Amino acid sequence: MGVGVVLRRLVAAVAGIALLAEAAVLVFVHIVLGRTTHNQSMSIAGMDPDVMSKATYAMGAGMGAFLLLCVALLAVAAIRDRAPGRFARVVLVGAAVTHGLLGAIAVGLFGWIVFTALMVMLCLLVLSLMLYAAKGAEGGGDGGAAAPQRGLTPTSP
């Protein structure tokens, strides 16, 4: 087992573990916010407090599910040492872009520690995608069968 294989698997595993921790924290924060909104009967601009608390729960569940999907995709990549497929790459790139945007917003709202944590997550996601892309470029393949070439048929003279 080469150094590249170990590095790819390690980065994907660390990214997955960090995303799992992030998912747990975000779900917990949304549960606390939803419960607080419900218990205080808080309302913003006349909105129904019950709708606000249920929407907070739903947002926490949605974010947690998205991050768990990312964890599963990274775990599959780490276990099989295969590059993520098209769907997985789109999901992981979406997670990376989201972390980048949230980091840019968080630096002003929450400070440099939160920004640093989000940028570390961004770096782990991008690094895992890039390491598997480099594996494919080295001739290690993309982890699947070669794509058939459409429109080209062999001709016999």
Protein backbone atom coordinates (compact mmCIF):
# COMPACT_ATOMS: atom_id res chain seq x y z
CA MET A 1 0.00 0.00 0.00
CA GLY A 2 1.59 3.24 -1.16
CA VAL A 3 1.79 6.57 0.57
CA GLY A 4 -0.78 8.02 -1.86
CA VAL A 5 -3.35 5.39 -0.94
CA VAL A 6 -2.87 5.97 2.77
CA LEU A 7 -3.04 9.75 2.35
CA ARG A 8 -6.22 9.61 0.24
CA ARG A 9 -7.95 7.29 2.68
CA LEU A 10 -6.77 9.25 5.71
CA VAL A 11 -7.95 12.60 4.35
CA ALA A 12 -11.34 11.16 3.33
CA ALA A 13 -11.74 9.51 6.75
CA VAL A 14 -10.77 12.66 8.67
CA ALA A 15 -13.12 14.75 6.52
CA GLY A 16 -15.92 12.26 7.18
CA ILE A 17 -15.33 12.28 10.94
CA ALA A 18 -15.20 16.08 11.02
CA LEU A 19 -18.43 16.31 9.00
CA LEU A 20 -20.07 13.82 11.36
CA ALA A 21 -19.13 15.99 14.35
CA GLU A 22 -20.35 19.08 12.51
CA ALA A 23 -23.67 17.38 11.74
CA ALA A 24 -24.17 16.47 15.40
CA VAL A 25 -23.38 20.02 16.54
CA LEU A 26 -25.68 21.62 13.96
CA VAL A 27 -28.59 19.30 14.79
CA PHE A 28 -28.11 20.00 18.51
CA VAL A 29 -28.00 23.77 17.93
CA HIS A 30 -31.19 23.65 15.87
CA ILE A 31 -32.96 21.57 18.51
CA VAL A 32 -32.00 24.13 21.17
CA LEU A 33 -33.06 27.05 18.95
CA GLY A 34 -36.37 25.38 18.06
CA ARG A 35 -37.13 24.54 21.66
CA THR A 36 -36.23 28.05 22.79
CA THR A 37 -38.45 29.59 20.12
CA HIS A 38 -41.33 27.33 21.11
CA ASN A 39 -40.96 27.87 24.88
CA GLN A 40 -40.58 31.64 24.65
CA SER A 41 -43.39 32.02 22.09
CA MET A 42 -41.06 34.34 20.21
CA SER A 43 -42.32 35.87 17.01
CA ILE A 44 -40.50 37.83 14.35
CA ALA A 45 -42.61 40.23 12.26
CA GLY A 46 -45.84 38.49 13.29
CA MET A 47 -44.84 34.97 12.22
CA ASP A 48 -46.39 32.06 14.06
CA PRO A 49 -43.99 30.76 16.75
CA ASP A 50 -45.04 27.15 16.13
CA VAL A 51 -44.18 27.46 12.45
CA MET A 52 -40.85 29.04 13.32
CA SER A 53 -39.90 26.29 15.77
CA LYS A 54 -40.96 23.53 13.35
CA ALA A 55 -39.04 25.19 10.53
CA THR A 56 -35.97 25.33 12.78
CA TYR A 57 -36.30 21.62 13.52
CA ALA A 58 -36.73 20.87 9.82
CA MET A 59 -33.69 22.96 8.88
CA GLY A 60 -31.59 21.13 11.46
CA ALA A 61 -32.79 17.76 10.18
CA GLY A 62 -32.13 18.79 6.58
CA MET A 63 -28.62 20.03 7.30
CA GLY A 64 -27.85 16.97 9.37
CA ALA A 65 -29.09 14.66 6.61
CA PHE A 66 -27.03 16.49 3.97
CA LEU A 67 -23.88 16.27 6.07
CA LEU A 68 -24.54 12.58 6.82
CA LEU A 69 -24.85 11.98 3.08
CA CYS A 70 -21.45 13.64 2.64
CA VAL A 71 -20.06 11.42 5.42
CA ALA A 72 -21.39 8.31 3.70
CA LEU A 73 -19.93 9.34 0.34
CA LEU A 74 -16.53 10.04 1.89
CA ALA A 75 -16.63 6.75 3.80
CA VAL A 76 -17.32 4.83 0.60
CA ALA A 77 -14.44 6.62 -1.12
CA ALA A 78 -12.10 5.90 1.80
CA ILE A 79 -13.05 2.25 2.18
CA ARG A 80 -12.93 1.40 -1.52
CA ASP A 81 -10.12 3.85 -2.37
CA ARG A 82 -12.08 4.85 -5.44
CA ALA A 83 -12.82 8.31 -6.71
CA PRO A 84 -16.33 9.50 -5.94
CA GLY A 85 -18.76 9.23 -8.84
CA ARG A 86 -20.42 12.15 -10.55
CA PHE A 87 -23.27 12.46 -8.04
CA ALA A 88 -20.90 12.18 -5.08
CA ARG A 89 -18.57 14.81 -6.55
CA VAL A 90 -21.47 17.21 -7.07
CA VAL A 91 -22.64 16.72 -3.48
CA LEU A 92 -19.13 17.13 -2.05
CA VAL A 93 -18.42 20.21 -4.17
CA GLY A 94 -21.74 21.64 -2.99
CA ALA A 95 -20.69 21.02 0.61
CA ALA A 96 -17.32 22.67 -0.04
CA VAL A 97 -18.93 25.74 -1.61
CA THR A 98 -21.38 25.95 1.27
CA HIS A 99 -18.53 25.85 3.79
CA GLY A 100 -16.72 28.58 1.87
CA LEU A 101 -19.75 30.85 1.82
CA LEU A 102 -20.59 30.20 5.45
CA GLY A 103 -16.97 30.92 6.38
CA ALA A 104 -17.12 34.29 4.64
CA ILE A 105 -20.31 35.14 6.52
CA ALA A 106 -19.19 33.66 9.85
CA VAL A 107 -16.00 35.71 10.10
CA GLY A 108 -18.07 38.85 10.60
CA LEU A 109 -20.78 37.32 12.77
CA PHE A 110 -18.97 34.82 14.98
CA GLY A 111 -15.26 35.53 14.68
CA TRP A 112 -12.07 33.97 13.46
CA ILE A 113 -12.37 30.68 15.34
CA VAL A 114 -15.56 29.69 13.54
CA PHE A 115 -14.07 30.93 10.26
CA THR A 116 -11.00 28.77 10.83
CA ALA A 117 -13.10 25.69 11.58
CA LEU A 118 -15.13 26.18 8.41
CA MET A 119 -12.00 26.73 6.33
CA VAL A 120 -10.44 23.55 7.71
CA MET A 121 -13.56 21.67 6.63
CA LEU A 122 -13.40 23.34 3.22
CA CYS A 123 -9.75 22.32 2.86
CA LEU A 124 -10.47 18.71 3.86
CA LEU A 125 -13.30 18.45 1.33
CA VAL A 126 -11.29 20.01 -1.50
CA LEU A 127 -8.21 17.96 -0.63
CA SER A 128 -10.14 14.71 -0.70
CA LEU A 129 -11.62 15.59 -4.08
CA MET A 130 -8.23 16.64 -5.46
CA LEU A 131 -6.37 13.58 -4.19
CA TYR A 132 -8.83 11.26 -5.91
CA ALA A 133 -8.67 13.39 -9.08
CA ALA A 134 -4.87 13.09 -9.00
CA LYS A 135 -5.23 9.31 -8.64
CA GLY A 136 -7.29 9.21 -11.83
CA ALA A 137 -4.79 11.41 -13.68
CA GLU A 138 -1.88 9.13 -12.72
CA GLY A 139 -3.46 6.29 -14.60
CA GLY A 140 -4.98 4.67 -11.55
CA GLY A 141 -8.35 4.99 -13.23
CA ASP A 142 -11.46 6.65 -11.98
CA GLY A 143 -12.53 3.60 -10.04
CA GLY A 144 -14.96 2.49 -12.69
CA ALA A 145 -15.07 1.23 -16.22
CA ALA A 146 -13.95 3.52 -18.96
CA ALA A 147 -16.74 5.58 -20.45
CA PRO A 148 -17.84 4.33 -23.85
CA GLN A 149 -17.18 6.68 -26.72
CA ARG A 150 -20.40 7.49 -28.46
CA GLY A 151 -20.61 8.34 -32.09
CA LEU A 152 -17.36 6.62 -33.00
CA THR A 153 -17.57 3.26 -34.63
CA PRO A 154 -14.65 1.24 -35.84
CA THR A 155 -14.38 1.14 -39.57
CA SER A 156 -12.82 -1.61 -41.58
CA PRO A 157 -10.96 -0.76 -44.78
